[in-house]
């Protein structure tokens, strides 16, 4: 079977979209002449700007109307005459696109409601200790091999030019926020961490525009004299490039962790309510996971919560910060 015109689908959140790059790496290695396309949800497309071997980037904008946009996408996908569709997403919307793409070869997880129409299926089990990129590789193993490719993003010189003013002296980055409160190291811990960083290093606080208030509270409460807030000021690939040059990047179990992995940047990851065994731990060669062990309530869920279900949030408050 030919694999010359390939579509990879990952319409989940930013971390998942970053990890999808591992599949692009592997497919490009095995099919260097193939046209590889990627479908992501609106908001994640900037990760793949000027990607060196991506033929085209498709974006699903649900704000246009979930079903209207879905049928519009399906029409376009059919027009492209893909011979191979790899679906990294486990839910019905992407399964619908995969099953009715008219591609001769389709692959996805058996949890997907449309998986009975796929050519190739694989199980997806969270909690077995395997990293998500290993589970991704299960979907392409039969057309490639068992070797795992790491995720990789490609910031360009343009992105380096934006962050160049920040890299002339030693620095660390911190990304203190998370969509889920229980996946986020408590604010007081970030303040203590800032205070522990030597004064010869600059601290850059990273995040989205809606993280600026939290970053300001951390900066204003810290005794460290050289903290700069870059939240809301850098694009995703600019943050990625900055992390590559840092002495250390301090992150939660969230998107910035995977940004660091994608450029092999040094990583210290705090796991509060979640656990590395879920398969979303850092992949950088210099990486450390810090968490509280021995709590009978941890993990309390895969994605975290807006508040601690037990009310005490020990998994965050009792974390021991690095020396």
Protein backbone atom coordinates (compact mmCIF):
# COMPACT_ATOMS: atom_id res chain seq x y z
CA UNK A 1 0.00 0.00 0.00
CA UNK A 2 1.25 3.49 -0.86
CA UNK A 3 1.82 6.06 1.87
CA UNK A 4 2.55 9.12 -0.25
CA UNK A 5 -0.16 11.52 0.91
CA UNK A 6 -0.59 11.27 4.68
CA UNK A 7 -2.87 13.10 7.10
CA UNK A 8 -2.18 13.07 10.85
CA UNK A 9 -5.05 14.18 13.10
CA UNK A 10 -4.65 15.52 16.64
CA UNK A 11 -7.38 17.98 17.61
CA UNK A 12 -6.91 17.79 21.40
CA UNK A 13 -5.10 20.32 23.61
CA UNK A 14 -1.72 21.95 23.15
CA UNK A 15 0.35 19.26 24.89
CA UNK A 16 -1.18 16.57 22.68
CA UNK A 17 -0.55 18.69 19.59
CA UNK A 18 3.13 19.06 20.55
CA UNK A 19 3.53 15.33 21.14
CA UNK A 20 2.00 14.67 17.71
CA UNK A 21 5.27 15.97 16.23
CA UNK A 22 6.84 12.64 17.22
CA UNK A 23 4.62 10.94 14.63
CA UNK A 24 5.61 13.49 11.98
CA UNK A 25 9.28 12.77 12.70
CA UNK A 26 8.79 9.04 12.30
CA UNK A 27 6.65 9.24 9.17
CA UNK A 28 9.10 11.62 7.50
CA UNK A 29 11.96 9.23 8.29
CA UNK A 30 10.19 6.27 6.69
CA UNK A 31 8.47 8.13 3.86
CA UNK A 32 10.77 11.08 3.05
CA UNK A 33 9.04 11.79 -0.26
CA UNK A 34 5.52 11.71 1.19
CA UNK A 35 3.34 14.78 1.52
CA UNK A 36 2.50 14.93 5.23
CA UNK A 37 -0.39 17.09 6.47
CA UNK A 38 -1.50 17.75 10.04
CA UNK A 39 -4.93 18.67 11.42
CA UNK A 40 -5.01 20.54 14.75
CA UNK A 41 -7.63 22.54 16.61
CA UNK A 42 -7.72 26.33 16.31
CA UNK A 43 -5.13 27.88 18.64
CA UNK A 44 -2.45 25.21 18.16
CA UNK A 45 -1.55 25.98 14.56
CA UNK A 46 1.27 28.38 15.48
CA UNK A 47 3.28 25.41 16.80
CA UNK A 48 3.80 24.25 13.24
CA UNK A 49 4.61 27.51 11.47
CA UNK A 50 7.30 26.92 8.86
CA UNK A 51 7.69 23.29 9.87
CA UNK A 52 10.36 21.95 7.50
CA UNK A 53 8.60 18.85 6.21
CA UNK A 54 4.93 19.57 6.72
CA UNK A 55 3.10 19.82 3.40
CA UNK A 56 0.04 21.59 4.79
CA UNK A 57 -1.57 22.47 8.10
CA UNK A 58 -5.32 22.05 8.52
CA UNK A 59 -7.14 23.84 11.33
CA UNK A 60 -10.47 22.87 12.87
CA UNK A 61 -12.19 26.02 14.10
CA UNK A 62 -15.09 24.81 16.25
CA UNK A 63 -16.25 28.41 16.75
CA UNK A 64 -17.56 28.32 13.18
CA UNK A 65 -20.08 25.79 14.49
CA UNK A 66 -18.95 22.33 15.50
CA UNK A 67 -20.91 20.32 12.93
CA UNK A 68 -20.81 22.87 10.14
CA UNK A 69 -17.02 23.10 10.42
CA UNK A 70 -16.72 19.32 10.71
CA UNK A 71 -18.55 18.67 7.43
CA UNK A 72 -16.57 21.47 5.76
CA UNK A 73 -13.36 19.78 6.90
CA UNK A 74 -14.51 16.37 5.70
CA UNK A 75 -15.23 17.78 2.25
CA UNK A 76 -11.75 19.29 2.07
CA UNK A 77 -10.08 16.10 3.34
CA UNK A 78 -11.83 14.07 0.66
CA UNK A 79 -10.72 16.54 -2.00
CA UNK A 80 -7.08 16.03 -0.96
CA UNK A 81 -7.33 12.29 -1.73
CA UNK A 82 -5.20 11.17 1.21
CA UNK A 83 -4.06 7.56 0.96
CA UNK A 84 -3.26 7.37 4.69
CA UNK A 85 -5.00 8.90 7.72
CA UNK A 86 -3.48 8.48 11.21
CA UNK A 87 -5.85 9.57 13.99
CA UNK A 88 -4.14 10.27 17.32
CA UNK A 89 -7.41 11.49 18.87
CA UNK A 90 -9.78 9.11 20.65
CA UNK A 91 -13.10 10.88 20.20
CA UNK A 92 -16.00 10.86 17.76
CA UNK A 93 -15.31 14.04 15.77
CA UNK A 94 -11.88 12.94 14.58
CA UNK A 95 -13.12 9.38 14.16
CA UNK A 96 -15.83 10.63 11.82
CA UNK A 97 -13.24 12.49 9.70
CA UNK A 98 -11.01 9.41 9.62
CA UNK A 99 -13.69 6.84 8.85
CA UNK A 100 -15.25 8.86 6.00
CA UNK A 101 -12.04 10.35 4.59
CA UNK A 102 -12.07 7.78 1.76
CA UNK A 103 -8.41 7.05 2.53
CA UNK A 104 -7.45 3.43 1.69
CA UNK A 105 -5.51 3.15 4.98
CA UNK A 106 -6.85 4.50 8.28
CA UNK A 107 -5.45 3.99 11.76
CA UNK A 108 -6.74 5.00 15.18
CA UNK A 109 -7.48 3.85 18.71
CA UNK A 110 -10.06 1.17 19.39
CA UNK A 111 -11.69 3.51 21.93
CA UNK A 112 -12.81 5.77 19.09
CA UNK A 113 -16.56 5.37 18.40
CA UNK A 114 -15.79 5.05 14.65
CA UNK A 115 -12.91 2.60 15.06
CA UNK A 116 -14.94 -0.26 13.60
CA UNK A 117 -14.44 1.46 10.23
CA UNK A 118 -10.64 1.82 10.59
CA UNK A 119 -8.17 -0.50 8.83
CA UNK A 120 -5.81 -0.58 11.79
CA UNK A 121 -6.62 -0.20 15.48
CA UNK A 122 -4.57 -0.09 18.68
CA UNK A 123 -5.51 0.02 22.37
CA UNK A 124 -4.93 3.20 24.37
CA UNK A 125 -4.30 2.52 28.04
CA UNK A 126 -3.43 5.37 30.38
CA UNK A 127 -1.61 4.40 33.57
CA UNK A 128 0.61 1.61 32.31
CA UNK A 129 3.76 3.76 32.55
CA UNK A 130 4.23 4.08 28.80
CA UNK A 131 4.66 7.60 27.46
CA UNK A 132 1.96 8.97 25.19
CA UNK A 133 4.40 9.04 22.26
CA UNK A 134 4.76 5.26 22.65
CA UNK A 135 0.99 4.93 22.40
CA UNK A 136 1.10 7.17 19.32
CA UNK A 137 3.72 4.91 17.76
CA UNK A 138 1.37 1.95 18.16
CA UNK A 139 -0.76 3.53 15.43
CA UNK A 140 2.05 3.61 12.85
CA UNK A 141 4.11 0.63 13.97
CA UNK A 142 2.71 -1.66 11.28
CA UNK A 143 3.80 0.74 8.50
CA UNK A 144 7.10 1.77 10.17
CA UNK A 145 8.70 -0.09 13.11
CA UNK A 146 8.79 -0.24 16.91
CA UNK A 147 11.39 2.53 17.35
CA UNK A 148 10.05 5.61 19.14
CA UNK A 149 10.71 9.09 17.75
CA UNK A 150 10.78 11.99 20.17
CA UNK A 151 8.62 15.09 19.63
CA UNK A 152 10.41 17.92 17.89
CA UNK A 153 9.37 21.47 17.05
CA UNK A 154 11.29 23.81 14.79
CA UNK A 155 11.65 27.41 15.98
CA UNK A 156 13.26 29.48 13.23
CA UNK A 157 15.81 32.29 13.20
CA UNK A 158 12.88 34.70 13.27
CA UNK A 159 11.84 33.26 16.64
CA UNK A 160 15.42 33.48 17.92
CA UNK A 161 15.60 37.15 16.93
CA UNK A 162 12.56 37.85 19.13
CA UNK A 163 14.10 36.24 22.22
CA UNK A 164 17.74 37.20 21.57
CA UNK A 165 17.62 40.22 23.96
CA UNK A 166 16.72 37.84 26.82
CA UNK A 167 19.50 35.27 26.45
CA UNK A 168 22.67 37.35 26.91
CA UNK A 169 22.92 36.50 30.63
CA UNK A 170 22.11 33.27 32.56
CA UNK A 171 18.41 32.72 33.21
CA UNK A 172 15.71 30.25 34.18
CA UNK A 173 12.10 30.16 33.07
CA UNK A 174 9.00 29.39 35.10
CA UNK A 175 5.55 28.63 33.70
CA UNK A 176 3.41 28.81 36.86
CA UNK A 177 -0.07 28.40 35.42
CA UNK A 178 -2.24 25.50 34.30
CA UNK A 179 -5.78 25.20 32.96
CA UNK A 180 -6.53 22.98 35.99
CA UNK A 181 -5.93 24.32 39.51
CA UNK A 182 -4.90 20.94 40.93
CA UNK A 183 -2.19 20.52 38.27
CA UNK A 184 -0.68 23.86 39.24
CA UNK A 185 2.01 24.25 41.88
CA UNK A 186 0.58 26.66 44.51
CA UNK A 187 1.46 30.34 44.11
CA UNK A 188 3.33 30.43 47.41
CA UNK A 189 5.59 27.60 46.20
CA UNK A 190 6.44 29.57 43.04
CA UNK A 191 7.32 32.56 45.21
CA UNK A 192 9.59 30.38 47.37
CA UNK A 193 11.18 28.93 44.24
CA UNK A 194 11.88 32.43 42.89
CA UNK A 195 13.47 33.38 46.21
CA UNK A 196 15.76 30.34 46.01
CA UNK A 197 17.20 31.25 42.60
CA UNK A 198 20.60 32.99 42.80
CA UNK A 199 20.55 36.69 42.01
CA UNK A 200 22.97 36.26 39.10
CA UNK A 201 20.18 34.54 37.13
CA UNK A 202 17.21 36.28 35.60
CA UNK A 203 13.80 34.65 36.07
CA UNK A 204 11.41 34.82 33.14
CA UNK A 205 7.77 34.06 33.92
CA UNK A 206 6.03 32.49 30.92
CA UNK A 207 2.40 31.93 30.04
CA UNK A 208 -0.60 33.17 28.10
CA UNK A 209 -2.14 36.66 28.41
CA UNK A 210 -4.59 35.40 31.05
CA UNK A 211 -1.64 34.26 33.20
CA UNK A 212 -0.25 37.80 33.60
CA UNK A 213 -2.09 38.49 36.87
CA UNK A 214 -0.68 35.34 38.50
CA UNK A 215 2.80 36.21 37.25
CA UNK A 216 2.51 39.73 38.67
CA UNK A 217 1.44 38.38 42.05
CA UNK A 218 4.45 36.03 42.11
CA UNK A 219 6.87 38.77 41.06
CA UNK A 220 5.51 41.32 43.53
CA UNK A 221 5.71 38.86 46.43
CA UNK A 222 9.21 37.58 45.68
CA UNK A 223 12.44 38.97 47.07
CA UNK A 224 14.31 38.12 43.85
CA UNK A 225 15.40 41.36 42.19
CA UNK A 226 15.48 40.25 38.57
CA UNK A 227 12.13 38.79 37.52
CA UNK A 228 10.63 39.64 34.14
CA UNK A 229 7.12 38.77 33.03
CA UNK A 230 7.01 37.47 29.47
CA UNK A 231 3.55 35.94 29.76
CA UNK A 232 1.44 37.12 26.84
CA UNK A 233 4.47 38.57 25.05
CA UNK A 234 5.87 35.51 23.29
CA UNK A 235 4.40 33.21 20.67
CA UNK A 236 4.56 29.47 21.41
CA UNK A 237 7.65 28.87 19.26
CA UNK A 238 9.33 31.93 20.76
CA UNK A 239 8.78 30.50 24.24
CA UNK A 240 10.10 27.21 22.92
CA UNK A 241 13.28 28.86 21.64
CA UNK A 242 13.76 30.73 24.94
CA UNK A 243 13.43 27.51 26.95
CA UNK A 244 16.14 25.93 24.82
CA UNK A 245 18.67 28.48 26.12
CA UNK A 246 17.63 28.39 29.80
CA UNK A 247 19.69 26.93 32.62
CA UNK A 248 16.45 25.31 33.81
CA UNK A 249 12.74 25.43 32.96
CA UNK A 250 10.30 24.93 35.83
CA UNK A 251 6.87 23.71 34.69
CA UNK A 252 3.67 22.01 35.81
CA UNK A 253 2.22 18.91 34.19
CA UNK A 254 0.96 21.06 31.32
CA UNK A 255 1.75 22.41 27.86
CA UNK A 256 5.08 24.14 28.66
CA UNK A 257 6.45 20.77 29.84
CA UNK A 258 5.98 19.41 26.32
CA UNK A 259 7.36 22.58 24.74
CA UNK A 260 10.57 21.94 26.67
CA UNK A 261 10.62 18.29 25.59
CA UNK A 262 10.26 19.28 21.94
CA UNK A 263 13.61 21.13 21.98
CA UNK A 264 15.33 18.93 24.59
CA UNK A 265 15.45 21.83 27.06
CA UNK A 266 16.34 21.17 30.73
CA UNK A 267 13.15 20.54 32.66
CA UNK A 268 12.00 20.38 36.27
CA UNK A 269 8.36 19.28 36.27
CA UNK A 270 6.03 19.52 39.26
CA UNK A 271 3.30 16.88 39.33
CA UNK A 272 0.63 17.81 41.84
CA UNK A 273 -2.66 15.90 41.44
CA UNK A 274 -1.48 13.85 38.44
CA UNK A 275 1.29 11.26 38.13
CA UNK A 276 4.05 10.55 35.57
CA UNK A 277 2.77 7.00 35.08
CA UNK A 278 -0.09 8.49 33.05
CA UNK A 279 2.52 8.95 30.33
CA UNK A 280 3.03 12.71 30.04
CA UNK A 281 6.36 13.06 31.81
CA UNK A 282 9.23 15.17 30.41
CA UNK A 283 11.42 13.68 27.68
CA UNK A 284 14.41 16.03 27.79
CA UNK A 285 17.74 14.35 28.51
CA UNK A 286 18.14 16.66 31.53
CA UNK A 287 14.79 16.37 33.29
CA UNK A 288 13.46 15.82 36.79
CA UNK A 289 9.99 15.12 38.13
CA UNK A 290 9.10 16.35 41.62
CA UNK A 291 5.95 15.14 43.37
CA UNK A 292 4.55 14.07 46.72
CA UNK A 293 4.44 10.30 47.14
CA UNK A 294 2.35 8.24 49.54
CA UNK A 295 -0.94 10.16 49.33
CA UNK A 296 -3.92 7.81 49.12
CA UNK A 297 -5.88 10.46 47.19
CA UNK A 298 -3.24 10.96 44.47
CA UNK A 299 -3.90 10.80 41.58
CA UNK A 300 -7.44 12.10 41.85
CA UNK A 301 -8.05 12.31 38.11
CA UNK A 302 -6.45 12.40 34.70
CA UNK A 303 -6.93 16.09 33.95
CA UNK A 304 -7.07 17.69 37.37
CA UNK A 305 -9.81 19.79 38.96
CA UNK A 306 -10.72 23.42 39.57
CA UNK A 307 -10.28 22.72 43.30
CA UNK A 308 -8.89 19.93 45.46
CA UNK A 309 -11.69 17.34 45.96
CA UNK A 310 -10.42 16.74 49.51
CA UNK A 311 -9.99 20.43 50.32
CA UNK A 312 -6.39 20.15 51.57
CA UNK A 313 -4.37 20.10 48.30
CA UNK A 314 -1.48 18.25 49.97
CA UNK A 315 -0.16 17.05 46.60
CA UNK A 316 0.72 20.67 45.82
CA UNK A 317 1.35 22.25 49.20
CA UNK A 318 3.70 19.49 50.43
CA UNK A 319 5.97 19.42 47.36
CA UNK A 320 9.62 19.81 48.31
CA UNK A 321 11.27 22.41 46.09
CA UNK A 322 14.68 21.67 44.52
CA UNK A 323 17.76 23.05 46.25
